[in-house]
Amino acid sequence: MLMTKRAIWGISLAAVFAVFMISPAIADDDGWLNVVGGGVDDSNPKIYQILIDSETDIPKHTDVLGGFAWFTEGADEWPAFAFTTHNAGNIDDNAASPPNDVRDSKQNPDGWHPHLVKVDENACITDVTDSTQAGITIRDGNMIVQILKSEIDGTIAGQAAGFHIVPGVAACVGVHPLALQVQFT
């Protein structure tokens, strides 16, 4: 059986994520990061329309560091596309630091926004773009994202995977400037 690059990446990263689940506490997402359906409509030659169907209502604003991701098949530089929210409050209890400590988007820094992402073998985030733009609609347990195909390196297909972004994981601290790890739900 021939496996695609995306399938190999997914299996490899799933194994890595399973090993590194012993890390700092993760804020409770009340089930909205549990994807139960959805997919990618690529019938329009210029736009992906993405549907995410969650187990519970997806919040428009939240204290959870997390989001939804797809591995991009055929990507030359950015192996994953993610739609995230970072309105996490002051996670390090340092009043001098930004309110969410992960303010990284020009489009919507305190709410949902897209990124192209690189991760290493320890699921540490090694690089993130902040220039990707997308449209979003949230209705109860559904999220619809529309994004130009030209905004994504490679192609996306299939159902999203929900994830938490975890700061301060030992495997990432001192290794990458972001010191953040991705842990799939």
N, C-alpha and C. Protein backbone atom coordinates (compact mmCIF):
# COMPACT_ATOMS: atom_id res chain seq x y z
N MET A 1 0.84 -1.17 0.00
CA MET A 1 0.00 0.00 0.00
C MET A 1 0.88 1.24 0.00
N LEU A 2 0.62 2.16 -0.87
CA LEU A 2 1.38 3.39 -0.99
C LEU A 2 0.84 4.42 -0.01
N MET A 3 1.72 5.00 0.79
CA MET A 3 1.30 6.01 1.77
C MET A 3 1.69 7.39 1.27
N THR A 4 0.82 8.35 1.47
CA THR A 4 1.12 9.72 1.07
C THR A 4 2.04 10.37 2.11
N LYS A 5 2.67 11.44 1.68
CA LYS A 5 3.54 12.21 2.58
C LYS A 5 2.75 12.67 3.81
N ARG A 6 1.49 13.09 3.61
CA ARG A 6 0.66 13.56 4.72
C ARG A 6 0.40 12.43 5.71
N ALA A 7 0.12 11.22 5.21
CA ALA A 7 -0.15 10.09 6.09
C ALA A 7 1.09 9.74 6.92
N ILE A 8 2.25 9.75 6.29
CA ILE A 8 3.50 9.45 7.00
C ILE A 8 3.76 10.52 8.06
N TRP A 9 3.60 11.81 7.70
CA TRP A 9 3.76 12.91 8.66
C TRP A 9 2.79 12.73 9.82
N GLY A 10 1.54 12.44 9.49
CA GLY A 10 0.52 12.30 10.52
C GLY A 10 0.83 11.18 11.49
N ILE A 11 1.25 10.02 10.98
CA ILE A 11 1.59 8.89 11.83
C ILE A 11 2.79 9.22 12.69
N SER A 12 3.83 9.82 12.09
CA SER A 12 5.04 10.17 12.82
C SER A 12 4.74 11.17 13.92
N LEU A 13 4.00 12.22 13.58
CA LEU A 13 3.70 13.25 14.59
C LEU A 13 2.74 12.74 15.65
N ALA A 14 1.81 11.87 15.28
CA ALA A 14 0.90 11.31 16.28
C ALA A 14 1.69 10.53 17.32
N ALA A 15 2.69 9.78 16.88
CA ALA A 15 3.54 9.04 17.82
C ALA A 15 4.30 9.99 18.73
N VAL A 16 4.84 11.04 18.15
CA VAL A 16 5.57 12.03 18.95
C VAL A 16 4.65 12.69 19.95
N PHE A 17 3.44 13.09 19.52
CA PHE A 17 2.50 13.76 20.42
C PHE A 17 2.12 12.84 21.57
N ALA A 18 1.94 11.56 21.30
CA ALA A 18 1.58 10.63 22.36
C ALA A 18 2.67 10.54 23.42
N VAL A 19 3.92 10.57 23.00
CA VAL A 19 5.05 10.48 23.92
C VAL A 19 5.15 11.73 24.79
N PHE A 20 4.82 12.89 24.23
CA PHE A 20 5.03 14.15 24.93
C PHE A 20 3.78 14.71 25.60
N MET A 21 2.82 13.88 25.91
CA MET A 21 1.61 14.35 26.57
C MET A 21 1.83 14.65 28.05
N ILE A 22 3.00 14.31 28.61
CA ILE A 22 3.29 14.60 30.01
C ILE A 22 3.93 15.97 30.11
N SER A 23 3.14 16.99 30.13
CA SER A 23 3.65 18.36 30.14
C SER A 23 2.78 19.23 31.02
N PRO A 24 3.03 20.54 31.03
CA PRO A 24 2.25 21.43 31.91
C PRO A 24 0.75 21.30 31.69
N ALA A 25 0.01 21.73 32.68
CA ALA A 25 -1.45 21.64 32.63
C ALA A 25 -2.02 22.36 31.41
N ILE A 26 -3.08 21.81 30.88
CA ILE A 26 -3.75 22.37 29.71
C ILE A 26 -5.12 22.87 30.15
N ALA A 27 -5.48 24.07 29.71
CA ALA A 27 -6.79 24.62 30.04
C ALA A 27 -7.89 23.74 29.44
N ASP A 28 -8.98 23.56 30.16
CA ASP A 28 -10.08 22.72 29.73
C ASP A 28 -10.83 23.38 28.57
N ASP A 29 -10.98 22.63 27.48
CA ASP A 29 -11.67 23.18 26.31
C ASP A 29 -13.14 22.77 26.27
N ASP A 30 -13.65 22.09 27.27
CA ASP A 30 -15.06 21.67 27.35
C ASP A 30 -15.52 20.89 26.12
N GLY A 31 -14.61 20.26 25.41
CA GLY A 31 -14.96 19.40 24.28
C GLY A 31 -14.99 20.07 22.92
N TRP A 32 -14.83 21.39 22.85
CA TRP A 32 -14.92 22.03 21.54
C TRP A 32 -13.73 21.73 20.64
N LEU A 33 -12.61 21.26 21.19
CA LEU A 33 -11.49 20.86 20.35
C LEU A 33 -11.62 19.41 19.85
N ASN A 34 -12.66 18.71 20.28
CA ASN A 34 -12.90 17.36 19.79
C ASN A 34 -13.68 17.43 18.48
N VAL A 35 -12.98 17.20 17.38
CA VAL A 35 -13.59 17.27 16.06
C VAL A 35 -14.35 15.98 15.79
N VAL A 36 -15.64 16.12 15.44
CA VAL A 36 -16.47 14.95 15.17
C VAL A 36 -16.90 14.87 13.70
N GLY A 37 -16.53 15.85 12.89
CA GLY A 37 -16.88 15.83 11.48
C GLY A 37 -16.36 17.05 10.77
N GLY A 38 -16.74 17.14 9.52
CA GLY A 38 -16.30 18.28 8.70
C GLY A 38 -15.42 17.81 7.56
N GLY A 39 -14.78 18.76 6.93
CA GLY A 39 -13.91 18.45 5.81
C GLY A 39 -13.57 19.70 5.04
N VAL A 40 -12.93 19.49 3.90
CA VAL A 40 -12.46 20.60 3.06
C VAL A 40 -13.11 20.50 1.69
N ASP A 41 -13.77 21.57 1.26
CA ASP A 41 -14.33 21.66 -0.08
C ASP A 41 -13.32 22.46 -0.91
N ASP A 42 -12.73 21.80 -1.90
CA ASP A 42 -11.75 22.48 -2.76
C ASP A 42 -12.26 22.62 -4.19
N SER A 43 -13.61 22.56 -4.38
CA SER A 43 -14.19 22.62 -5.72
C SER A 43 -14.00 23.99 -6.39
N ASN A 44 -13.90 25.05 -5.61
CA ASN A 44 -13.61 26.37 -6.16
C ASN A 44 -12.11 26.42 -6.47
N PRO A 45 -11.71 26.79 -7.68
CA PRO A 45 -10.29 26.77 -8.04
C PRO A 45 -9.43 27.75 -7.23
N LYS A 46 -10.03 28.70 -6.53
CA LYS A 46 -9.24 29.70 -5.81
C LYS A 46 -9.39 29.65 -4.29
N ILE A 47 -10.46 29.00 -3.79
CA ILE A 47 -10.75 29.08 -2.36
C ILE A 47 -11.00 27.69 -1.78
N TYR A 48 -10.43 27.46 -0.58
CA TYR A 48 -10.82 26.32 0.23
C TYR A 48 -11.95 26.78 1.14
N GLN A 49 -13.00 25.96 1.24
CA GLN A 49 -14.01 26.18 2.27
C GLN A 49 -13.91 25.01 3.22
N ILE A 50 -13.64 25.32 4.46
CA ILE A 50 -13.37 24.30 5.46
C ILE A 50 -14.51 24.29 6.48
N LEU A 51 -15.01 23.10 6.80
CA LEU A 51 -16.03 22.96 7.83
C LEU A 51 -15.45 22.11 8.95
N ILE A 52 -15.60 22.62 10.17
CA ILE A 52 -15.21 21.89 11.36
C ILE A 52 -16.47 21.68 12.18
N ASP A 53 -16.76 20.44 12.50
CA ASP A 53 -17.91 20.10 13.33
C ASP A 53 -17.35 19.59 14.65
N SER A 54 -17.62 20.32 15.73
CA SER A 54 -17.07 20.03 17.04
C SER A 54 -18.08 19.32 17.92
N GLU A 55 -17.56 18.63 18.92
CA GLU A 55 -18.41 17.93 19.89
C GLU A 55 -19.30 18.88 20.68
N THR A 56 -18.81 20.08 20.97
CA THR A 56 -19.57 21.10 21.71
C THR A 56 -19.44 22.43 20.98
N ASP A 57 -20.12 23.46 21.46
CA ASP A 57 -20.08 24.78 20.83
C ASP A 57 -18.66 25.35 20.83
N ILE A 58 -18.24 25.85 19.68
CA ILE A 58 -16.92 26.48 19.54
C ILE A 58 -17.06 27.93 19.99
N PRO A 59 -16.25 28.36 20.95
CA PRO A 59 -16.36 29.74 21.44
C PRO A 59 -15.76 30.74 20.47
N LYS A 60 -16.31 31.94 20.45
CA LYS A 60 -15.72 33.01 19.64
C LYS A 60 -14.50 33.58 20.33
N HIS A 61 -14.50 33.57 21.67
CA HIS A 61 -13.34 33.99 22.47
C HIS A 61 -13.19 33.00 23.61
N THR A 62 -11.94 32.69 23.96
CA THR A 62 -11.69 31.68 24.98
C THR A 62 -10.35 31.93 25.65
N ASP A 63 -10.17 31.35 26.82
CA ASP A 63 -8.88 31.40 27.51
C ASP A 63 -7.99 30.22 27.12
N VAL A 64 -8.49 29.32 26.28
CA VAL A 64 -7.73 28.15 25.85
C VAL A 64 -6.75 28.54 24.74
N LEU A 65 -5.51 28.10 24.86
CA LEU A 65 -4.54 28.20 23.76
C LEU A 65 -4.75 26.97 22.91
N GLY A 66 -5.28 27.11 21.71
CA GLY A 66 -5.54 25.93 20.92
C GLY A 66 -6.08 26.25 19.56
N GLY A 67 -6.53 25.21 18.87
CA GLY A 67 -7.08 25.41 17.56
C GLY A 67 -7.28 24.11 16.80
N PHE A 68 -7.29 24.26 15.48
CA PHE A 68 -7.51 23.14 14.58
C PHE A 68 -6.42 23.16 13.52
N ALA A 69 -5.98 21.98 13.05
CA ALA A 69 -4.87 21.93 12.10
C ALA A 69 -5.04 20.83 11.08
N TRP A 70 -4.34 21.01 9.97
CA TRP A 70 -4.22 20.04 8.89
C TRP A 70 -2.77 20.01 8.46
N PHE A 71 -2.26 18.83 8.14
CA PHE A 71 -0.94 18.75 7.51
C PHE A 71 -1.12 19.03 6.03
N THR A 72 -0.24 19.82 5.45
CA THR A 72 -0.37 20.23 4.06
C THR A 72 0.44 19.32 3.16
N GLU A 73 -0.27 18.63 2.30
CA GLU A 73 0.37 17.70 1.37
C GLU A 73 1.09 18.48 0.28
N GLY A 74 2.30 18.08 -0.02
CA GLY A 74 3.07 18.73 -1.08
C GLY A 74 3.68 20.05 -0.66
N ALA A 75 3.66 20.37 0.63
CA ALA A 75 4.20 21.64 1.11
C ALA A 75 5.71 21.66 0.95
N ASP A 76 6.22 22.76 0.42
CA ASP A 76 7.67 22.90 0.28
C ASP A 76 8.30 23.43 1.57
N GLU A 77 7.59 24.33 2.24
CA GLU A 77 8.19 24.99 3.40
C GLU A 77 7.37 24.84 4.68
N TRP A 78 6.06 24.98 4.60
CA TRP A 78 5.21 24.99 5.78
C TRP A 78 4.38 23.71 5.82
N PRO A 79 4.70 22.74 6.66
CA PRO A 79 4.02 21.44 6.64
C PRO A 79 2.63 21.40 7.27
N ALA A 80 2.20 22.49 7.91
CA ALA A 80 0.88 22.47 8.53
C ALA A 80 0.18 23.81 8.37
N PHE A 81 -1.16 23.75 8.30
CA PHE A 81 -2.02 24.93 8.32
C PHE A 81 -2.84 24.82 9.59
N ALA A 82 -2.90 25.91 10.35
CA ALA A 82 -3.64 25.90 11.61
C ALA A 82 -4.53 27.12 11.72
N PHE A 83 -5.65 26.94 12.39
CA PHE A 83 -6.54 28.03 12.72
C PHE A 83 -6.60 28.05 14.24
N THR A 84 -6.12 29.12 14.87
CA THR A 84 -5.90 29.12 16.31
C THR A 84 -6.56 30.30 17.01
N THR A 85 -6.64 30.16 18.33
CA THR A 85 -7.05 31.26 19.18
C THR A 85 -6.05 31.34 20.34
N HIS A 86 -5.66 32.53 20.68
CA HIS A 86 -4.62 32.70 21.70
C HIS A 86 -5.02 33.62 22.82
N ASN A 87 -6.27 33.91 23.00
CA ASN A 87 -6.71 34.81 24.06
C ASN A 87 -6.61 34.08 25.39
N ALA A 88 -5.38 33.93 25.88
CA ALA A 88 -5.14 33.04 27.01
C ALA A 88 -4.94 33.75 28.34
N GLY A 89 -5.18 35.03 28.40
CA GLY A 89 -4.94 35.73 29.65
C GLY A 89 -3.45 35.83 29.93
N ASN A 90 -3.08 36.16 31.10
CA ASN A 90 -1.68 36.32 31.47
C ASN A 90 -1.15 35.00 32.02
N ILE A 91 -0.75 34.09 31.14
CA ILE A 91 -0.43 32.72 31.54
C ILE A 91 0.81 32.61 32.41
N ASP A 92 1.70 33.60 32.39
CA ASP A 92 2.90 33.49 33.22
C ASP A 92 2.84 34.37 34.47
N ASP A 93 1.68 34.96 34.76
CA ASP A 93 1.48 35.82 35.93
C ASP A 93 2.47 36.97 35.99
N ASN A 94 2.94 37.43 34.84
CA ASN A 94 3.85 38.56 34.77
C ASN A 94 3.08 39.73 34.18
N ALA A 95 2.79 40.72 35.02
CA ALA A 95 1.97 41.86 34.59
C ALA A 95 2.64 42.66 33.48
N ALA A 96 3.96 42.55 33.32
CA ALA A 96 4.68 43.31 32.30
C ALA A 96 4.61 42.66 30.93
N SER A 97 4.22 41.37 30.85
CA SER A 97 4.17 40.67 29.57
C SER A 97 2.82 40.91 28.90
N PRO A 98 2.71 40.60 27.59
CA PRO A 98 1.43 40.80 26.89
C PRO A 98 0.30 40.03 27.57
N PRO A 99 -0.94 40.47 27.37
CA PRO A 99 -2.07 39.82 28.03
C PRO A 99 -2.17 38.32 27.75
N ASN A 100 -1.78 37.88 26.55
CA ASN A 100 -1.93 36.45 26.27
C ASN A 100 -0.60 35.74 26.07
N ASP A 101 0.49 36.40 26.18
CA ASP A 101 1.83 35.84 26.08
C ASP A 101 2.11 35.16 24.75
N VAL A 102 1.14 35.06 23.86
CA VAL A 102 1.33 34.43 22.56
C VAL A 102 0.66 35.31 21.51
N ARG A 103 0.83 36.59 21.59
CA ARG A 103 0.21 37.53 20.66
C ARG A 103 1.03 37.52 19.37
N ASP A 104 0.47 36.93 18.31
CA ASP A 104 1.30 36.69 17.13
C ASP A 104 0.58 36.88 15.80
N SER A 105 -0.56 37.51 15.78
CA SER A 105 -1.30 37.64 14.53
C SER A 105 -1.59 39.10 14.23
N LYS A 106 -1.46 39.46 12.96
CA LYS A 106 -1.82 40.79 12.51
C LYS A 106 -3.31 40.87 12.20
N GLN A 107 -3.93 39.71 11.91
CA GLN A 107 -5.34 39.70 11.51
C GLN A 107 -6.28 39.83 12.70
N ASN A 108 -6.09 39.02 13.72
CA ASN A 108 -7.00 39.01 14.87
C ASN A 108 -6.26 38.43 16.08
N PRO A 109 -5.36 39.20 16.70
CA PRO A 109 -4.49 38.64 17.73
C PRO A 109 -5.20 38.11 18.97
N ASP A 110 -6.38 38.59 19.28
CA ASP A 110 -7.08 38.13 20.47
C ASP A 110 -8.25 37.20 20.16
N GLY A 111 -8.32 36.71 18.95
CA GLY A 111 -9.38 35.79 18.57
C GLY A 111 -8.86 34.78 17.57
N TRP A 112 -9.74 34.18 16.82
CA TRP A 112 -9.38 33.15 15.84
C TRP A 112 -8.63 33.76 14.67
N HIS A 113 -7.55 33.08 14.24
CA HIS A 113 -6.76 33.53 13.10
C HIS A 113 -5.94 32.37 12.55
N PRO A 114 -5.53 32.46 11.27
CA PRO A 114 -4.80 31.37 10.63
C PRO A 114 -3.28 31.53 10.74
N HIS A 115 -2.59 30.41 10.61
CA HIS A 115 -1.13 30.38 10.56
C HIS A 115 -0.67 29.24 9.67
N LEU A 116 0.47 29.40 9.07
CA LEU A 116 1.23 28.28 8.53
C LEU A 116 2.28 27.99 9.58
N VAL A 117 2.53 26.69 9.85
CA VAL A 117 3.33 26.30 11.01
C VAL A 117 4.34 25.22 10.65
N LYS A 118 5.49 25.28 11.34
CA LYS A 118 6.48 24.20 11.29
C LYS A 118 6.63 23.64 12.69
N VAL A 119 6.73 22.31 12.78
CA VAL A 119 6.99 21.66 14.07
C VAL A 119 8.15 20.69 13.91
N ASP A 120 8.86 20.41 15.01
CA ASP A 120 9.97 19.46 14.95
C ASP A 120 9.51 18.08 15.44
N GLU A 121 10.46 17.17 15.58
CA GLU A 121 10.15 15.80 15.97
C GLU A 121 9.60 15.70 17.39
N ASN A 122 9.77 16.75 18.21
CA ASN A 122 9.21 16.77 19.57
C ASN A 122 7.89 17.52 19.64
N ALA A 123 7.31 17.85 18.49
CA ALA A 123 6.07 18.61 18.39
C ALA A 123 6.23 20.04 18.89
N CYS A 124 7.47 20.53 18.97
CA CYS A 124 7.74 21.92 19.32
C CYS A 124 7.48 22.78 18.08
N ILE A 125 6.84 23.92 18.28
CA ILE A 125 6.61 24.84 17.18
C ILE A 125 7.92 25.56 16.90
N THR A 126 8.44 25.37 15.69
CA THR A 126 9.74 25.96 15.34
C THR A 126 9.61 27.26 14.55
N ASP A 127 8.48 27.45 13.90
CA ASP A 127 8.27 28.68 13.13
C ASP A 127 6.79 28.83 12.81
N VAL A 128 6.34 30.09 12.73
CA VAL A 128 4.94 30.42 12.50
C VAL A 128 4.88 31.65 11.61
N THR A 129 3.97 31.65 10.63
CA THR A 129 3.72 32.87 9.87
C THR A 129 2.61 33.64 10.56
N ASP A 130 2.62 34.94 10.40
CA ASP A 130 1.51 35.73 10.94
C ASP A 130 0.85 36.56 9.84
N SER A 131 1.14 36.23 8.59
CA SER A 131 0.62 37.02 7.48
C SER A 131 -0.53 36.34 6.73
N THR A 132 -0.87 35.11 7.09
CA THR A 132 -1.95 34.39 6.43
C THR A 132 -3.30 35.01 6.82
N GLN A 133 -4.20 35.17 5.86
CA GLN A 133 -5.52 35.78 6.09
C GLN A 133 -6.62 34.77 5.73
N ALA A 134 -7.72 34.79 6.47
CA ALA A 134 -8.85 33.90 6.19
C ALA A 134 -10.13 34.50 6.77
N GLY A 135 -11.27 34.04 6.27
CA GLY A 135 -12.57 34.42 6.81
C GLY A 135 -13.08 33.31 7.70
N ILE A 136 -13.87 33.67 8.70
CA ILE A 136 -14.36 32.67 9.65
C ILE A 136 -15.80 32.98 10.06
N THR A 137 -16.55 31.90 10.22
CA THR A 137 -17.90 31.98 10.77
C THR A 137 -18.02 30.89 11.81
N ILE A 138 -18.53 31.24 13.01
CA ILE A 138 -18.75 30.25 14.06
C ILE A 138 -20.23 30.26 14.40
N ARG A 139 -20.82 29.06 14.33
CA ARG A 139 -22.23 28.88 14.71
C ARG A 139 -22.33 27.62 15.55
N ASP A 140 -22.55 27.80 16.82
CA ASP A 140 -22.68 26.69 17.75
C ASP A 140 -21.44 25.78 17.66
N GLY A 141 -21.62 24.52 17.28
CA GLY A 141 -20.51 23.58 17.21
C GLY A 141 -19.85 23.50 15.85
N ASN A 142 -20.12 24.49 15.00
CA ASN A 142 -19.53 24.49 13.65
C ASN A 142 -18.68 25.72 13.41
N MET A 143 -17.59 25.52 12.71
CA MET A 143 -16.75 26.62 12.26
C MET A 143 -16.57 26.46 10.76
N ILE A 144 -16.77 27.56 10.03
CA ILE A 144 -16.53 27.56 8.59
C ILE A 144 -15.40 28.55 8.34
N VAL A 145 -14.37 28.09 7.66
CA VAL A 145 -13.21 28.92 7.32
C VAL A 145 -13.11 28.98 5.81
N GLN A 146 -12.97 30.17 5.27
CA GLN A 146 -12.71 30.33 3.84
C GLN A 146 -11.34 30.97 3.69
N ILE A 147 -10.49 30.33 2.89
CA ILE A 147 -9.14 30.82 2.70
C ILE A 147 -8.72 30.63 1.25
N LEU A 148 -8.03 31.62 0.72
CA LEU A 148 -7.51 31.50 -0.63
C LEU A 148 -6.49 30.36 -0.68
N LYS A 149 -6.55 29.56 -1.72
CA LYS A 149 -5.60 28.47 -1.88
C LYS A 149 -4.17 28.99 -1.95
N SER A 150 -4.01 30.20 -2.47
CA SER A 150 -2.67 30.79 -2.59
C SER A 150 -2.07 31.14 -1.22
N GLU A 151 -2.87 31.16 -0.16
CA GLU A 151 -2.39 31.45 1.19
C GLU A 151 -1.73 30.24 1.85
N ILE A 152 -1.94 29.05 1.29
CA ILE A 152 -1.46 27.82 1.92
C ILE A 152 -0.36 27.20 1.07
N ASP A 153 0.70 26.76 1.73
CA ASP A 153 1.79 26.05 1.05
C ASP A 153 1.39 24.58 0.95
N GLY A 154 1.16 24.09 -0.25
CA GLY A 154 0.68 22.73 -0.44
C GLY A 154 -0.84 22.72 -0.50
N THR A 155 -1.43 21.56 -0.25
CA THR A 155 -2.88 21.42 -0.29
C THR A 155 -3.38 20.85 1.03
N ILE A 156 -4.64 21.14 1.35
CA ILE A 156 -5.25 20.57 2.55
C ILE A 156 -6.47 19.77 2.14
N ALA A 157 -6.75 18.74 2.92
CA ALA A 157 -7.91 17.89 2.66
C ALA A 157 -8.29 17.19 3.96
N GLY A 158 -9.48 16.66 4.00
CA GLY A 158 -9.90 15.85 5.14
C GLY A 158 -10.35 16.66 6.34
N GLN A 159 -10.54 15.95 7.41
CA GLN A 159 -11.04 16.52 8.65
C GLN A 159 -9.91 17.14 9.46
N ALA A 160 -10.20 18.21 10.17
CA ALA A 160 -9.22 18.87 11.04
C ALA A 160 -8.93 18.01 12.26
N ALA A 161 -7.84 18.34 12.92
CA ALA A 161 -7.52 17.77 14.23
C ALA A 161 -7.44 18.93 15.22
N GLY A 162 -8.09 18.79 16.38
CA GLY A 162 -8.01 19.80 17.42
C GLY A 162 -6.71 19.66 18.18
N PHE A 163 -6.18 20.77 18.68
CA PHE A 163 -4.93 20.73 19.43
C PHE A 163 -4.88 21.82 20.49
N HIS A 164 -4.06 21.59 21.50
CA HIS A 164 -3.71 22.58 22.51
C HIS A 164 -2.29 23.06 22.21
N ILE A 165 -2.01 24.32 22.52
CA ILE A 165 -0.66 24.86 22.48
C ILE A 165 -0.20 24.95 23.92
N VAL A 166 0.91 24.29 24.23
CA VAL A 166 1.37 24.20 25.62
C VAL A 166 2.72 24.91 25.76
N PRO A 167 2.77 25.98 26.56
CA PRO A 167 4.04 26.67 26.80
C PRO A 167 4.86 25.96 27.86
N GLY A 168 6.18 26.16 27.81
CA GLY A 168 7.07 25.70 28.86
C GLY A 168 7.35 24.22 28.89
N VAL A 169 7.11 23.48 27.81
CA VAL A 169 7.41 22.05 27.77
C VAL A 169 8.92 21.88 27.68
N ALA A 170 9.48 21.03 28.54
CA ALA A 170 10.93 20.88 28.65
C ALA A 170 11.60 20.60 27.30
N ALA A 171 10.96 19.81 26.44
CA ALA A 171 11.57 19.48 25.15
C ALA A 171 11.73 20.70 24.25
N CYS A 172 10.97 21.76 24.51
CA CYS A 172 10.98 22.95 23.66
C CYS A 172 11.74 24.12 24.27
N VAL A 173 11.82 24.19 25.59
CA VAL A 173 12.48 25.31 26.27
C VAL A 173 13.98 25.27 25.99
N GLY A 174 14.50 26.39 25.51
CA GLY A 174 15.92 26.48 25.21
C GLY A 174 16.30 25.90 23.86
N VAL A 175 15.35 25.23 23.22
CA VAL A 175 15.60 24.63 21.91
C VAL A 175 15.12 25.56 20.80
N HIS A 176 13.94 26.13 20.99
CA HIS A 176 13.34 27.04 20.03
C HIS A 176 12.88 28.29 20.76
N PRO A 177 12.99 29.45 20.13
CA PRO A 177 12.60 30.70 20.81
C PRO A 177 11.15 30.71 21.29
N LEU A 178 10.24 30.02 20.61
CA LEU A 178 8.83 30.04 20.99
C LEU A 178 8.56 29.22 22.26
N ALA A 179 9.31 28.17 22.48
CA ALA A 179 9.14 27.28 23.65
C ALA A 179 7.69 26.82 23.80
N LEU A 180 7.06 26.48 22.67
CA LEU A 180 5.67 26.02 22.65
C LEU A 180 5.60 24.64 22.02
N GLN A 181 4.71 23.81 22.53
CA GLN A 181 4.50 22.49 21.96
C GLN A 181 3.03 22.34 21.56
N VAL A 182 2.79 21.57 20.50
CA VAL A 182 1.45 21.26 20.04
C VAL A 182 1.08 19.89 20.57
N GLN A 183 -0.10 19.80 21.19
CA GLN A 183 -0.58 18.50 21.67
C GLN A 183 -2.00 18.30 21.16
N PHE A 184 -2.16 17.29 20.30
CA PHE A 184 -3.47 17.03 19.71
C PHE A 184 -4.42 16.41 20.72
N THR A 185 -5.71 16.78 20.59
CA THR A 185 -6.72 16.26 21.52
C THR A 185 -7.18 14.88 21.09
